[in-house]
Amino acid sequence: MNKMTSENITKMINAMSVEELKERLAAYMQAFECEVIDGELKFGFIDTNGDVIIPCIWTEADNFSDGHARVKDEDGNWYTIDKSGNVISTDDGNEDSE
């Protein structure tokens, strides 16, 4: 899984409009959306129609694989969620654990 963090996309944000950024990320990630909320980059997920399925509340997010994705909250806690955004498990915080 490829992880997108605010560091990885800062240059894209500065160079593109929000709509262009969403379009490119959606094409690359196939179900990914980001927003700047209160000056912080947040991640969520969209479906193939562009409808928000999981709101932009996560500070980091991995791609979905086998119906699950790892996400990180603003307190630094990692979770595994399903495609509806339900928390399936709490991760140990090790970014390399799957």
Foldseek 3Di string as FASTA:
>chain_A
DDKDACVNCVVVPVVDPQVVVQVVCCVVLVWKHWDQDPNAIFIATHHNVRHGQGDRAFRIKDHDDPQWIWTAGPVQWIFIAGSNRHTPGTDPSPPPDD
